Amino acid sequence: MTRRRELAVVIACVALLALLTYERTTIAQRERPSYFSTYDTGPNGYQALYEVLQSAGVTARRFERAIAYLDPSIKTLVITGYEDEPNAPGFDKYGSELLRRFVTKGGRLVVIDALFAGSQDITPGVGTSVIAPYRGDAIPLARNAYTEGISRVRGSIDTVFPFKDAHGIPLLAKAQGIVAVWYRLGRGEVIAITAPKLFGNAEVRNADNVRFAYNVIAGNGVVAFDEYAHGYSENPTIWGVLPGPVRAAVWIVVGLALIALIGANVPFAPPYLPELADERDSSHYITAVAELMRRSRRRPGDHQVVARAIDDYRVRKEHA
């Protein structure tokens, strides 16, 4: 294969690889799931709520370490649903115990999740939520600081706490059950909300949704949104901090190196066999000398000398 054809093959492979990378990136962005994280800009993400709270004067930050390293200055901890995220470490039994200690020592824990598992849940003292498929907005049941100025919270509400198992003070509810509940635990308090989509980026346009979120999160000192549970860490990998285009470029370089490696080791055409060089060994010399002696006037016994020379050469060649 000529150099020009090899170059054409390489260019075609690079173009194909770039096209596939672009198409895959576009599809991934179009089908990318949205999670309840303050870093997420999708419909379920909490970035808009986080920025609204900060613009309203709330001292809010993102907490990106294990719960054991929770800063004592943090008085309100917000945990949002992470069960559907593939890289979410979540909380283990030790982390659940630390959450209980945080509350009993005076902290406010706000947990916004769809499914609560009672005594098996990380939320201390919480009940068990059930599926409530029928749509319906949530209205305030209690009139206190948490529901002040709220008439109706709108959005997707798929799970509730049953009325018959209620404990604490119901804050929001719909026909099928309780959507938000408040209760004390030790010196602290817990607010459990069963509809995380109410505060996603797609619902912040509803004033009552934002007002309710503000009421339950603000007013108790420094607020932290737990992002470590979603897989974010203060010690990210080098690959993790690279932007998408840079990652695509790295994959293209890897593809080029792979193409070059294949081109150097896999033949794309029949091997070229050059003509053998006209190289002669000593046997040709001896044969020529013998032929000369044969044609010359030889004396009696000369043929014996030649014969011995030929035999000696053969012996040497066999033992070489």
C-alpha atoms as a PDB file:
ATOM      1  CA  MET A   1       0.000   0.000   0.000  1.00  0.00           C
ATOM      2  CA  THR A   2       1.388   3.395  -0.942  1.00  0.00           C
ATOM      3  CA  ARG A   3       1.913   6.200   1.573  1.00  0.00           C
ATOM      4  CA  ARG A   4      -0.878   8.204  -0.037  1.00  0.00           C
ATOM      5  CA  ARG A   5      -3.377   5.379   0.397  1.00  0.00           C
ATOM      6  CA  GLU A   6      -2.257   4.822   3.998  1.00  0.00           C
ATOM      7  CA  LEU A   7      -2.782   8.509   4.730  1.00  0.00           C
ATOM      8  CA  ALA A   8      -6.245   8.380   3.171  1.00  0.00           C
ATOM      9  CA  VAL A   9      -7.175   5.381   5.344  1.00  0.00           C
ATOM     10  CA  VAL A  10      -5.948   7.139   8.497  1.00  0.00           C
ATOM     11  CA  ILE A  11      -7.878  10.329   7.652  1.00  0.00           C
ATOM     12  CA  ALA A  12     -11.037   8.330   6.967  1.00  0.00           C
ATOM     13  CA  CYS A  13     -10.702   6.458  10.270  1.00  0.00           C
ATOM     14  CA  VAL A  14     -10.154   9.700  12.195  1.00  0.00           C
ATOM     15  CA  ALA A  15     -13.184  11.298  10.549  1.00  0.00           C
ATOM     16  CA  LEU A  16     -15.318   8.255  11.352  1.00  0.00           C
ATOM     17  CA  LEU A  17     -14.111   8.213  14.955  1.00  0.00           C
ATOM     18  CA  ALA A  18     -14.828  11.930  15.372  1.00  0.00           C
ATOM     19  CA  LEU A  19     -18.310  11.476  13.874  1.00  0.00           C
ATOM     20  CA  LEU A  20     -19.104   8.582  16.194  1.00  0.00           C
ATOM     21  CA  THR A  21     -17.810  10.521  19.214  1.00  0.00           C
ATOM     22  CA  TYR A  22     -19.915  13.561  18.325  1.00  0.00           C
ATOM     23  CA  GLU A  23     -23.023  11.456  17.747  1.00  0.00           C
ATOM     24  CA  ARG A  24     -22.530   9.584  21.008  1.00  0.00           C
ATOM     25  CA  THR A  25     -22.005  12.820  22.944  1.00  0.00           C
ATOM     26  CA  THR A  26     -25.102  14.385  21.392  1.00  0.00           C
ATOM     27  CA  ILE A  27     -27.239  11.348  22.190  1.00  0.00           C
ATOM     28  CA  ALA A  28     -25.853  11.186  25.730  1.00  0.00           C
ATOM     29  CA  GLN A  29     -26.659  14.836  26.326  1.00  0.00           C
ATOM     30  CA  ARG A  30     -30.148  14.387  24.891  1.00  0.00           C
ATOM     31  CA  GLU A  31     -30.873  11.267  26.951  1.00  0.00           C
ATOM     32  CA  ARG A  32     -28.920  12.248  30.047  1.00  0.00           C
ATOM     33  CA  PRO A  33     -30.891  11.506  33.236  1.00  0.00           C
ATOM     34  CA  SER A  34     -31.488  14.309  35.705  1.00  0.00           C
ATOM     35  CA  TYR A  35     -30.758  13.857  39.408  1.00  0.00           C
ATOM     36  CA  PHE A  36     -31.632  15.785  42.573  1.00  0.00           C
ATOM     37  CA  SER A  37     -28.244  17.455  42.884  1.00  0.00           C
ATOM     38  CA  THR A  38     -27.374  21.143  43.116  1.00  0.00           C
ATOM     39  CA  TYR A  39     -24.897  20.535  40.284  1.00  0.00           C
ATOM     40  CA  ASP A  40     -27.594  19.174  37.972  1.00  0.00           C
ATOM     41  CA  THR A  41     -29.079  21.553  35.396  1.00  0.00           C
ATOM     42  CA  GLY A  42     -31.738  19.098  34.180  1.00  0.00           C
ATOM     43  CA  PRO A  43     -35.430  19.250  35.082  1.00  0.00           C
ATOM     44  CA  ASN A  44     -34.926  17.389  38.381  1.00  0.00           C
ATOM     45  CA  GLY A  45     -31.713  19.166  39.352  1.00  0.00           C
ATOM     46  CA  TYR A  46     -31.510  21.543  42.308  1.00  0.00           C
ATOM     47  CA  GLN A  47     -29.115  24.089  40.860  1.00  0.00           C
ATOM     48  CA  ALA A  48     -31.840  26.724  40.456  1.00  0.00           C
ATOM     49  CA  LEU A  49     -33.046  26.287  44.050  1.00  0.00           C
ATOM     50  CA  TYR A  50     -29.471  26.489  45.322  1.00  0.00           C
ATOM     51  CA  GLU A  51     -28.867  29.751  43.475  1.00  0.00           C
ATOM     52  CA  VAL A  52     -32.211  31.183  44.604  1.00  0.00           C
ATOM     53  CA  LEU A  53     -31.352  30.479  48.242  1.00  0.00           C
ATOM     54  CA  GLN A  54     -27.968  32.127  47.874  1.00  0.00           C
ATOM     55  CA  SER A  55     -29.459  35.169  46.166  1.00  0.00           C
ATOM     56  CA  ALA A  56     -31.967  35.417  49.019  1.00  0.00           C
ATOM     57  CA  GLY A  57     -29.142  35.753  51.528  1.00  0.00           C
ATOM     58  CA  VAL A  58     -29.059  32.169  52.804  1.00  0.00           C
ATOM     59  CA  THR A  59     -25.568  30.974  53.671  1.00  0.00           C
ATOM     60  CA  ALA A  60     -25.703  27.798  51.603  1.00  0.00           C
ATOM     61  CA  ARG A  61     -22.835  25.604  50.550  1.00  0.00           C
ATOM     62  CA  ARG A  62     -22.206  22.231  48.965  1.00  0.00           C
ATOM     63  CA  PHE A  63     -20.870  19.564  51.300  1.00  0.00           C
ATOM     64  CA  GLU A  64     -18.637  17.101  49.433  1.00  0.00           C
ATOM     65  CA  ARG A  65     -17.072  14.967  52.134  1.00  0.00           C
ATOM     66  CA  ALA A  66     -18.131  11.950  54.172  1.00  0.00           C
ATOM     67  CA  ILE A  67     -20.622  12.773  56.907  1.00  0.00           C
ATOM     68  CA  ALA A  68     -17.936  12.140  59.549  1.00  0.00           C
ATOM     69  CA  TYR A  69     -16.243  15.364  58.410  1.00  0.00           C
ATOM     70  CA  LEU A  70     -19.339  17.544  58.709  1.00  0.00           C
ATOM     71  CA  ASP A  71     -18.324  21.051  59.737  1.00  0.00           C
ATOM     72  CA  PRO A  72     -19.671  21.970  63.216  1.00  0.00           C
ATOM     73  CA  SER A  73     -20.689  25.361  61.803  1.00  0.00           C
ATOM     74  CA  ILE A  74     -23.350  23.656  59.648  1.00  0.00           C
ATOM     75  CA  LYS A  75     -26.718  23.817  61.402  1.00  0.00           C
ATOM     76  CA  THR A  76     -29.003  22.622  58.578  1.00  0.00           C
ATOM     77  CA  LEU A  77     -28.169  19.620  56.410  1.00  0.00           C
ATOM     78  CA  VAL A  78     -30.186  18.926  53.253  1.00  0.00           C
ATOM     79  CA  ILE A  79     -30.131  15.419  51.766  1.00  0.00           C
ATOM     80  CA  THR A  80     -31.918  14.756  48.469  1.00  0.00           C
ATOM     81  CA  GLY A  81     -32.762  11.439  46.825  1.00  0.00           C
ATOM     82  CA  TYR A  82     -29.778   9.615  45.323  1.00  0.00           C
ATOM     83  CA  GLU A  83     -30.967   5.996  45.010  1.00  0.00           C
ATOM     84  CA  ASP A  84     -31.206   6.031  41.203  1.00  0.00           C
ATOM     85  CA  GLU A  85     -27.708   7.423  40.646  1.00  0.00           C
ATOM     86  CA  PRO A  86     -25.135   4.831  39.495  1.00  0.00           C
ATOM     87  CA  ASN A  87     -22.144   6.455  41.210  1.00  0.00           C
ATOM     88  CA  ALA A  88     -23.797   7.522  44.464  1.00  0.00           C
ATOM     89  CA  PRO A  89     -22.066   6.080  47.564  1.00  0.00           C
ATOM     90  CA  GLY A  90     -25.004   6.955  49.827  1.00  0.00           C
ATOM     91  CA  PHE A  91     -24.771   6.292  53.557  1.00  0.00           C
ATOM     92  CA  ASP A  92     -23.739   3.201  55.457  1.00  0.00           C
ATOM     93  CA  LYS A  93     -24.844   2.218  58.958  1.00  0.00           C
ATOM     94  CA  TYR A  94     -22.150   4.377  60.537  1.00  0.00           C
ATOM     95  CA  GLY A  95     -23.223   7.372  58.439  1.00  0.00           C
ATOM     96  CA  SER A  96     -26.834   6.881  59.535  1.00  0.00           C
ATOM     97  CA  GLU A  97     -25.757   6.939  63.163  1.00  0.00           C
ATOM     98  CA  LEU A  98     -23.817  10.167  62.576  1.00  0.00           C
ATOM     99  CA  LEU A  99     -26.944  11.735  61.066  1.00  0.00           C
ATOM    100  CA  ARG A 100     -28.869  10.820  64.220  1.00  0.00           C
ATOM    101  CA  ARG A 101     -26.175  12.418  66.365  1.00  0.00           C
ATOM    102  CA  PHE A 102     -26.253  15.541  64.214  1.00  0.00           C
ATOM    103  CA  VAL A 103     -29.978  15.905  64.856  1.00  0.00           C
ATOM    104  CA  THR A 104     -30.031  15.005  68.537  1.00  0.00           C
ATOM    105  CA  LYS A 105     -27.312  17.583  69.216  1.00  0.00           C
ATOM    106  CA  GLY A 106     -29.442  20.382  67.769  1.00  0.00           C
ATOM    107  CA  GLY A 107     -29.143  20.209  63.984  1.00  0.00           C
ATOM    108  CA  ARG A 108     -31.933  20.461  61.440  1.00  0.00           C
ATOM    109  CA  LEU A 109     -32.070  17.597  58.955  1.00  0.00           C
ATOM    110  CA  VAL A 110     -34.121  18.127  55.787  1.00  0.00           C
ATOM    111  CA  VAL A 111     -34.519  14.940  53.755  1.00  0.00           C
ATOM    112  CA  ILE A 112     -36.233  15.224  50.357  1.00  0.00           C
ATOM    113  CA  ASP A 113     -36.741  11.774  48.881  1.00  0.00           C
ATOM    114  CA  ALA A 114     -39.471   9.692  47.273  1.00  0.00           C
ATOM    115  CA  LEU A 115     -39.095   6.522  49.312  1.00  0.00           C
ATOM    116  CA  PHE A 116     -38.656   6.349  53.090  1.00  0.00           C
ATOM    117  CA  ALA A 117     -38.098   2.959  54.708  1.00  0.00           C
ATOM    118  CA  GLY A 118     -39.006   3.589  58.339  1.00  0.00           C
ATOM    119  CA  SER A 119     -36.498   2.178  60.828  1.00  0.00           C
ATOM    120  CA  GLN A 120     -34.305   0.973  57.926  1.00  0.00           C
ATOM    121  CA  ASP A 121     -33.989   4.480  56.481  1.00  0.00           C
ATOM    122  CA  ILE A 122     -31.043   6.811  57.000  1.00  0.00           C
ATOM    123  CA  THR A 123     -33.487   9.458  58.245  1.00  0.00           C
ATOM    124  CA  PRO A 124     -33.740   8.972  62.014  1.00  0.00           C
ATOM    125  CA  GLY A 125     -37.257   8.483  63.353  1.00  0.00           C
ATOM    126  CA  VAL A 126     -38.962   8.713  59.962  1.00  0.00           C
ATOM    127  CA  GLY A 127     -41.997   6.702  58.872  1.00  0.00           C
ATOM    128  CA  THR A 128     -42.559   4.597  55.768  1.00  0.00           C
ATOM    129  CA  SER A 129     -43.796   6.175  52.551  1.00  0.00           C
ATOM    130  CA  VAL A 130     -46.173   4.501  50.113  1.00  0.00           C
ATOM    131  CA  ILE A 131     -46.965   4.935  46.435  1.00  0.00           C
ATOM    132  CA  ALA A 132     -49.680   7.500  45.666  1.00  0.00           C
ATOM    133  CA  PRO A 133     -50.074   7.470  41.857  1.00  0.00           C
ATOM    134  CA  TYR A 134     -53.011   9.855  41.663  1.00  0.00           C
ATOM    135  CA  ARG A 135     -52.017  13.380  40.813  1.00  0.00           C
ATOM    136  CA  GLY A 136     -52.881  16.241  43.084  1.00  0.00           C
ATOM    137  CA  ASP A 137     -51.273  19.350  44.478  1.00  0.00           C
ATOM    138  CA  ALA A 138     -50.194  19.552  48.103  1.00  0.00           C
ATOM    139  CA  ILE A 139     -51.812  22.013  50.493  1.00  0.00           C
ATOM    140  CA  PRO A 140     -50.625  23.089  53.929  1.00  0.00           C
ATOM    141  CA  LEU A 141     -52.193  21.358  56.948  1.00  0.00           C
ATOM    142  CA  ALA A 142     -50.379  23.173  59.714  1.00  0.00           C
ATOM    143  CA  ARG A 143     -50.089  26.910  59.976  1.00  0.00           C
ATOM    144  CA  ASN A 144     -46.626  27.714  61.240  1.00  0.00           C
ATOM    145  CA  ALA A 145     -43.356  29.256  60.100  1.00  0.00           C
ATOM    146  CA  TYR A 146     -42.745  26.417  57.634  1.00  0.00           C
ATOM    147  CA  THR A 147     -46.020  26.901  55.746  1.00  0.00           C
ATOM    148  CA  GLU A 148     -46.261  30.671  56.073  1.00  0.00           C
ATOM    149  CA  GLY A 149     -47.445  32.343  52.858  1.00  0.00           C
ATOM    150  CA  ILE A 150     -48.149  29.029  51.090  1.00  0.00           C
ATOM    151  CA  SER A 151     -51.489  28.121  49.555  1.00  0.00           C
ATOM    152  CA  ARG A 152     -50.669  25.268  47.144  1.00  0.00           C
ATOM    153  CA  VAL A 153     -47.485  23.412  46.218  1.00  0.00           C
ATOM    154  CA  ARG A 154     -47.662  22.094  42.645  1.00  0.00           C
ATOM    155  CA  GLY A 155     -45.770  19.334  40.887  1.00  0.00           C
ATOM    156  CA  SER A 156     -45.226  15.594  40.673  1.00  0.00           C
ATOM    157  CA  ILE A 157     -46.045  13.849  43.975  1.00  0.00           C
ATOM    158  CA  ASP A 158     -45.813  10.073  43.646  1.00  0.00           C
ATOM    159  CA  THR A 159     -45.371   8.952  47.280  1.00  0.00           C
ATOM    160  CA  VAL A 160     -46.817   9.998  50.649  1.00  0.00           C
ATOM    161  CA  PHE A 161     -46.823   9.089  54.317  1.00  0.00           C
ATOM    162  CA  PRO A 162     -50.156   7.434  55.219  1.00  0.00           C
ATOM    163  CA  PHE A 163     -52.418   9.512  57.448  1.00  0.00           C
ATOM    164  CA  LYS A 164     -52.929   6.560  59.805  1.00  0.00           C
ATOM    165  CA  ASP A 165     -49.180   6.319  60.511  1.00  0.00           C
ATOM    166  CA  ALA A 166     -48.653  10.027  61.017  1.00  0.00           C
ATOM    167  CA  HIS A 167     -46.296  11.203  63.711  1.00  0.00           C
ATOM    168  CA  GLY A 168     -45.036  14.703  64.205  1.00  0.00           C
ATOM    169  CA  ILE A 169     -46.742  17.671  62.571  1.00  0.00           C
ATOM    170  CA  PRO A 170     -47.930  17.273  58.939  1.00  0.00           C
ATOM    171  CA  LEU A 171     -46.870  20.328  56.953  1.00  0.00           C
ATOM    172  CA  LEU A 172     -48.150  19.461  53.466  1.00  0.00           C
ATOM    173  CA  ALA A 173     -50.611  16.821  52.317  1.00  0.00           C
ATOM    174  CA  LYS A 174     -52.812  15.747  49.442  1.00  0.00           C
ATOM    175  CA  ALA A 175     -55.840  13.481  49.354  1.00  0.00           C
ATOM    176  CA  GLN A 176     -53.793  10.236  49.551  1.00  0.00           C
ATOM    177  CA  GLY A 177     -51.527  11.183  52.442  1.00  0.00           C
ATOM    178  CA  ILE A 178     -48.894  13.437  53.979  1.00  0.00           C
ATOM    179  CA  VAL A 179     -46.270  14.981  51.693  1.00  0.00           C
ATOM    180  CA  ALA A 180     -44.124  16.789  54.280  1.00  0.00           C
ATOM    181  CA  VAL A 181     -43.827  16.158  58.019  1.00  0.00           C
ATOM    182  CA  TRP A 182     -41.913  17.820  60.850  1.00  0.00           C
ATOM    183  CA  TYR A 183     -40.891  16.243  64.155  1.00  0.00           C
ATOM    184  CA  ARG A 184     -38.373  16.733  66.916  1.00  0.00           C
ATOM    185  CA  LEU A 185     -35.561  14.348  67.754  1.00  0.00           C
ATOM    186  CA  GLY A 186     -33.450  15.181  70.799  1.00  0.00           C
ATOM    187  CA  ARG A 187     -32.509  18.856  70.646  1.00  0.00           C
ATOM    188  CA  GLY A 188     -32.870  18.960  66.873  1.00  0.00           C
ATOM    189  CA  GLU A 189     -35.562  18.528  64.249  1.00  0.00           C
ATOM    190  CA  VAL A 190     -36.272  16.519  61.093  1.00  0.00           C
ATOM    191  CA  ILE A 191     -38.302  17.556  58.064  1.00  0.00           C
ATOM    192  CA  ALA A 192     -39.100  14.715  55.680  1.00  0.00           C
ATOM    193  CA  ILE A 193     -40.555  15.503  52.240  1.00  0.00           C
ATOM    194  CA  THR A 194     -41.726  12.728  49.903  1.00  0.00           C
ATOM    195  CA  ALA A 195     -41.745  14.693  46.618  1.00  0.00           C
ATOM    196  CA  PRO A 196     -38.206  15.691  45.510  1.00  0.00           C
ATOM    197  CA  LYS A 197     -39.404  16.820  42.070  1.00  0.00           C
ATOM    198  CA  LEU A 198     -41.293  19.713  43.696  1.00  0.00           C
ATOM    199  CA  PHE A 199     -38.041  21.641  44.027  1.00  0.00           C
ATOM    200  CA  GLY A 200     -36.335  20.679  40.766  1.00  0.00           C
ATOM    201  CA  ASN A 201     -35.300  23.198  38.139  1.00  0.00           C
ATOM    202  CA  ALA A 202     -38.539  22.587  36.238  1.00  0.00           C
ATOM    203  CA  GLU A 203     -40.699  23.596  39.233  1.00  0.00           C
ATOM    204  CA  VAL A 204     -38.932  26.662  40.630  1.00  0.00           C
ATOM    205  CA  ARG A 205     -41.242  28.823  38.561  1.00  0.00           C
ATOM    206  CA  ASN A 206     -43.963  27.949  41.104  1.00  0.00           C
ATOM    207  CA  ALA A 207     -43.619  30.578  43.804  1.00  0.00           C
ATOM    208  CA  ASP A 208     -45.177  28.456  46.568  1.00  0.00           C
ATOM    209  CA  ASN A 209     -42.728  25.624  45.877  1.00  0.00           C
ATOM    210  CA  VAL A 210     -39.747  27.915  46.310  1.00  0.00           C
ATOM    211  CA  ARG A 211     -41.275  29.635  49.328  1.00  0.00           C
ATOM    212  CA  PHE A 212     -41.870  26.336  51.098  1.00  0.00           C
ATOM    213  CA  ALA A 213     -38.314  25.180  50.334  1.00  0.00           C
ATOM    214  CA  TYR A 214     -37.006  28.474  51.692  1.00  0.00           C
ATOM    215  CA  ASN A 215     -39.097  28.167  54.873  1.00  0.00           C
ATOM    216  CA  VAL A 216     -37.858  24.667  55.745  1.00  0.00           C
ATOM    217  CA  ILE A 217     -34.210  25.236  54.788  1.00  0.00           C
ATOM    218  CA  ALA A 218     -33.442  28.810  55.857  1.00  0.00           C
ATOM    219  CA  GLY A 219     -33.551  30.381  59.300  1.00  0.00           C
ATOM    220  CA  ASN A 220     -31.319  27.936  61.177  1.00  0.00           C
ATOM    221  CA  GLY A 221     -27.768  29.034  60.433  1.00  0.00           C
ATOM    222  CA  VAL A 222     -25.421  27.718  57.763  1.00  0.00           C
ATOM    223  CA  VAL A 223     -27.049  25.338  55.258  1.00  0.00           C
ATOM    224  CA  ALA A 224     -25.243  22.482  53.526  1.00  0.00           C
ATOM    225  CA  PHE A 225     -26.510  20.389  50.618  1.00  0.00           C
ATOM    226  CA  ASP A 226     -24.952  16.938  50.846  1.00  0.00           C
ATOM    227  CA  GLU A 227     -23.343  16.291  47.451  1.00  0.00           C
ATOM    228  CA  TYR A 228     -21.025  13.545  48.641  1.00  0.00           C
ATOM    229  CA  ALA A 229     -24.019  11.201  48.710  1.00  0.00           C
ATOM    230  CA  HIS A 230     -24.498  11.960  45.004  1.00  0.00           C
ATOM    231  CA  GLY A 231     -20.920  10.970  44.181  1.00  0.00           C
ATOM    232  CA  TYR A 232     -19.251  14.398  44.300  1.00  0.00           C
ATOM    233  CA  SER A 233     -16.039  14.688  46.253  1.00  0.00           C
ATOM    234  CA  GLU A 234     -13.594  17.432  47.152  1.00  0.00           C
ATOM    235  CA  ASN A 235     -10.827  15.175  45.847  1.00  0.00           C
ATOM    236  CA  PRO A 236     -11.926  14.485  42.241  1.00  0.00           C
ATOM    237  CA  THR A 237      -9.826  12.509  39.802  1.00  0.00           C
ATOM    238  CA  ILE A 238      -8.000  14.193  36.947  1.00  0.00           C
ATOM    239  CA  TRP A 239     -10.336  12.527  34.465  1.00  0.00           C
ATOM    240  CA  GLY A 240     -13.364  13.712  36.429  1.00  0.00           C
ATOM    241  CA  VAL A 241     -12.441  17.398  36.236  1.00  0.00           C
ATOM    242  CA  LEU A 242     -11.757  17.376  32.500  1.00  0.00           C
ATOM    243  CA  PRO A 243     -14.508  19.022  30.429  1.00  0.00           C
ATOM    244  CA  GLY A 244     -16.406  16.965  27.869  1.00  0.00           C
ATOM    245  CA  PRO A 245     -14.574  18.260  24.753  1.00  0.00           C
ATOM    246  CA  VAL A 246     -11.193  17.474  26.300  1.00  0.00           C
ATOM    247  CA  ARG A 247     -12.293  13.932  27.085  1.00  0.00           C
ATOM    248  CA  ALA A 248     -13.460  13.540  23.478  1.00  0.00           C
ATOM    249  CA  ALA A 249     -10.061  14.785  22.247  1.00  0.00           C
ATOM    250  CA  VAL A 250      -8.290  12.254  24.478  1.00  0.00           C
ATOM    251  CA  TRP A 251     -10.363   9.442  23.001  1.00  0.00           C
ATOM    252  CA  ILE A 252      -9.532  10.657  19.480  1.00  0.00           C
ATOM    253  CA  VAL A 253      -5.808  10.590  20.293  1.00  0.00           C
ATOM    254  CA  VAL A 254      -6.183   7.089  21.718  1.00  0.00           C
ATOM    255  CA  GLY A 255      -7.974   6.082  18.510  1.00  0.00           C
ATOM    256  CA  LEU A 256      -5.174   7.492  16.348  1.00  0.00           C
ATOM    257  CA  ALA A 257      -2.566   5.629  18.387  1.00  0.00           C
ATOM    258  CA  LEU A 258      -4.579   2.429  18.002  1.00  0.00           C
ATOM    259  CA  ILE A 259      -4.861   2.935  14.234  1.00  0.00           C
ATOM    260  CA  ALA A 260      -1.111   3.538  13.988  1.00  0.00           C
ATOM    261  CA  LEU A 261      -0.432   0.407  16.045  1.00  0.00           C
ATOM    262  CA  ILE A 262      -2.679  -1.681  13.831  1.00  0.00           C
ATOM    263  CA  GLY A 263      -1.126  -0.214  10.686  1.00  0.00           C
ATOM    264  CA  ALA A 264       2.363  -1.097  11.919  1.00  0.00           C
ATOM    265  CA  ASN A 265       1.514  -4.703  12.751  1.00  0.00           C
ATOM    266  CA  VAL A 266      -1.310  -5.804  10.455  1.00  0.00           C
ATOM    267  CA  PRO A 267      -0.455  -6.035   6.718  1.00  0.00           C
ATOM    268  CA  PHE A 268      -3.020  -4.509   4.392  1.00  0.00           C
ATOM    269  CA  ALA A 269      -1.340  -5.816   1.182  1.00  0.00           C
ATOM    270  CA  PRO A 270       0.731  -8.843   0.045  1.00  0.00           C
ATOM    271  CA  PRO A 271       4.296  -8.709   1.350  1.00  0.00           C
ATOM    272  CA  TYR A 272       6.931  -7.334  -1.011  1.00  0.00           C
ATOM    273  CA  LEU A 273       9.681  -9.850  -1.716  1.00  0.00           C
ATOM    274  CA  PRO A 274      12.754  -8.260  -3.345  1.00  0.00           C
ATOM    275  CA  GLU A 275      14.828 -10.220  -5.842  1.00  0.00           C
ATOM    276  CA  LEU A 276      17.642 -12.196  -4.325  1.00  0.00           C
ATOM    277  CA  ALA A 277      21.059 -10.591  -4.683  1.00  0.00           C
ATOM    278  CA  ASP A 278      23.664 -12.386  -6.823  1.00  0.00           C
ATOM    279  CA  GLU A 279      25.820 -13.537  -3.934  1.00  0.00           C
ATOM    280  CA  ARG A 280      28.299 -16.375  -4.385  1.00  0.00           C
ATOM    281  CA  ASP A 281      30.062 -18.453  -1.739  1.00  0.00           C
ATOM    282  CA  SER A 282      33.437 -20.201  -1.788  1.00  0.00           C
ATOM    283  CA  SER A 283      31.999 -23.279  -3.465  1.00  0.00           C
ATOM    284  CA  HIS A 284      31.611 -21.309  -6.667  1.00  0.00           C
ATOM    285  CA  TYR A 285      35.279 -20.322  -6.433  1.00  0.00           C
ATOM    286  CA  ILE A 286      36.450 -23.885  -5.946  1.00  0.00           C
ATOM    287  CA  THR A 287      34.266 -25.094  -8.768  1.00  0.00           C
ATOM    288  CA  ALA A 288      35.675 -22.424 -11.072  1.00  0.00           C
ATOM    289  CA  VAL A 289      39.275 -23.293 -10.125  1.00  0.00           C
ATOM    290  CA  ALA A 290      38.597 -26.973 -10.695  1.00  0.00           C
ATOM    291  CA  GLU A 291      37.111 -26.216 -14.078  1.00  0.00           C
ATOM    292  CA  LEU A 292      40.173 -24.182 -14.999  1.00  0.00           C
ATOM    293  CA  MET A 293      42.509 -26.937 -13.928  1.00  0.00           C
ATOM    294  CA  ARG A 294      40.479 -29.454 -15.862  1.00  0.00           C
ATOM    295  CA  ARG A 295      40.796 -27.437 -19.002  1.00  0.00           C
ATOM    296  CA  SER A 296      44.490 -26.755 -18.514  1.00  0.00           C
ATOM    297  CA  ARG A 297      47.280 -29.128 -19.098  1.00  0.00           C
ATOM    298  CA  ARG A 298      47.429 -31.022 -15.864  1.00  0.00           C
ATOM    299  CA  ARG A 299      50.124 -33.315 -14.742  1.00  0.00           C
ATOM    300  CA  PRO A 300      49.495 -36.845 -13.549  1.00  0.00           C
ATOM    301  CA  GLY A 301      48.116 -36.663 -10.022  1.00  0.00           C
ATOM    302  CA  ASP A 302      46.662 -33.137 -10.298  1.00  0.00           C
ATOM    303  CA  HIS A 303      43.114 -34.498 -10.298  1.00  0.00           C
ATOM    304  CA  GLN A 304      43.839 -36.124  -6.939  1.00  0.00           C
ATOM    305  CA  VAL A 305      44.835 -32.761  -5.495  1.00  0.00           C
ATOM    306  CA  VAL A 306      41.605 -31.217  -6.737  1.00  0.00           C
ATOM    307  CA  ALA A 307      39.586 -34.135  -5.394  1.00  0.00           C
ATOM    308  CA  ARG A 308      41.206 -33.817  -1.972  1.00  0.00           C
ATOM    309  CA  ALA A 309      40.520 -30.069  -1.976  1.00  0.00           C
ATOM    310  CA  ILE A 310      36.871 -30.654  -2.795  1.00  0.00           C
ATOM    311  CA  ASP A 311      36.552 -33.322  -0.103  1.00  0.00           C
ATOM    312  CA  ASP A 312      38.232 -31.070   2.452  1.00  0.00           C
ATOM    313  CA  TYR A 313      35.852 -28.227   1.594  1.00  0.00           C
ATOM    314  CA  ARG A 314      32.832 -30.473   2.005  1.00  0.00           C
ATOM    315  CA  VAL A 315      34.045 -31.683   5.418  1.00  0.00           C
ATOM    316  CA  ARG A 316      34.637 -28.135   6.581  1.00  0.00           C
ATOM    317  CA  LYS A 317      31.241 -27.045   5.349  1.00  0.00           C
ATOM    318  CA  GLU A 318      29.447 -29.877   7.171  1.00  0.00           C
ATOM    319  CA  HIS A 319      31.178 -29.012  10.468  1.00  0.00           C
ATOM    320  CA  ALA A 320      30.839 -25.265  10.120  1.00  0.00           C
END
